[in-house]
Amino acid sequence: MGDIINQLGAKSKAMDVINSCISGLHFQSAENYIELYNQKFEDFLGYNELKRELQRVRVESLTPRR
């Protein structure tokens, strides 16, 4: 049960890291965090959710604001 709590905490932190990205280096660090998350927890669905969120934030950061 403790492992599930750790996994949820790590996934929440990954989302926070992703949503704070504003530069290329930040996105690379978030990518590394996601890879470490996947290695530790082997959570395919969570891994893909984090990858999609990272891609969304990356595209959003490149889109000019009006």
Protein backbone atom coordinates (compact mmCIF):
# COMPACT_ATOMS: atom_id res chain seq x y z
CA MET A 1 0.00 0.00 0.00
CA GLY A 2 2.87 2.36 0.77
CA ASP A 3 4.19 1.86 -2.76
CA ILE A 4 0.89 3.08 -4.22
CA ILE A 5 1.06 6.21 -2.09
CA ASN A 6 4.65 6.81 -3.21
CA GLN A 7 3.62 6.28 -6.84
CA LEU A 8 0.73 8.75 -6.59
CA GLY A 9 3.04 11.29 -4.96
CA ALA A 10 5.66 10.84 -7.66
CA LYS A 11 3.05 11.18 -10.41
CA SER A 12 1.67 14.35 -8.81
CA LYS A 13 5.18 15.78 -8.58
CA ALA A 14 5.79 14.88 -12.24
CA MET A 15 2.65 16.85 -13.19
CA ASP A 16 3.91 19.81 -11.15
CA VAL A 17 7.31 19.60 -12.87
CA ILE A 18 5.68 19.41 -16.31
CA ASN A 19 3.37 22.35 -15.65
CA SER A 20 6.28 24.51 -14.49
CA CYS A 21 8.29 24.05 -17.72
CA ILE A 22 9.16 27.22 -19.64
CA SER A 23 12.46 26.45 -21.39
CA GLY A 24 14.11 23.64 -23.32
CA LEU A 25 16.18 22.62 -20.31
CA HIS A 26 13.04 22.40 -18.17
CA PHE A 27 11.38 20.13 -20.73
CA GLN A 28 14.44 17.88 -20.83
CA SER A 29 14.44 17.64 -17.03
CA ALA A 30 10.73 16.77 -17.06
CA GLU A 31 11.41 14.09 -19.68
CA ASN A 32 14.13 12.61 -17.45
CA TYR A 33 11.77 12.66 -14.44
CA ILE A 34 9.11 10.82 -16.46
CA GLU A 35 11.64 8.18 -17.53
CA LEU A 36 12.73 7.67 -13.91
CA TYR A 37 9.07 7.41 -12.87
CA ASN A 38 8.54 4.69 -15.47
CA GLN A 39 11.67 2.77 -14.42
CA LYS A 40 10.66 2.82 -10.75
CA PHE A 41 6.92 2.10 -10.99
CA GLU A 42 6.52 0.40 -14.41
CA ASP A 43 3.19 2.22 -14.81
CA PHE A 44 2.51 2.16 -18.55
CA LEU A 45 -0.75 4.13 -18.35
CA GLY A 46 0.67 6.74 -16.00
CA TYR A 47 3.81 7.01 -18.11
CA ASN A 48 1.79 7.69 -21.26
CA GLU A 49 -0.42 10.18 -19.45
CA LEU A 50 2.67 12.09 -18.30
CA LYS A 51 4.19 11.99 -21.80
CA ARG A 52 0.97 13.36 -23.33
CA GLU A 53 0.80 16.13 -20.73
CA LEU A 54 4.44 17.05 -21.39
CA GLN A 55 3.74 17.21 -25.12
CA ARG A 56 0.65 19.37 -24.53
CA VAL A 57 2.56 21.82 -22.36
CA ARG A 58 5.45 21.90 -24.84
CA VAL A 59 3.13 22.73 -27.76
CA GLU A 60 1.25 25.27 -25.66
CA SER A 61 4.52 27.00 -24.76
CA LEU A 62 5.34 27.39 -28.46
CA THR A 63 1.93 28.79 -29.38
CA PRO A 64 1.89 32.59 -29.46
CA ARG A 65 -0.45 34.23 -26.99
CA ARG A 66 -2.96 36.78 -28.22
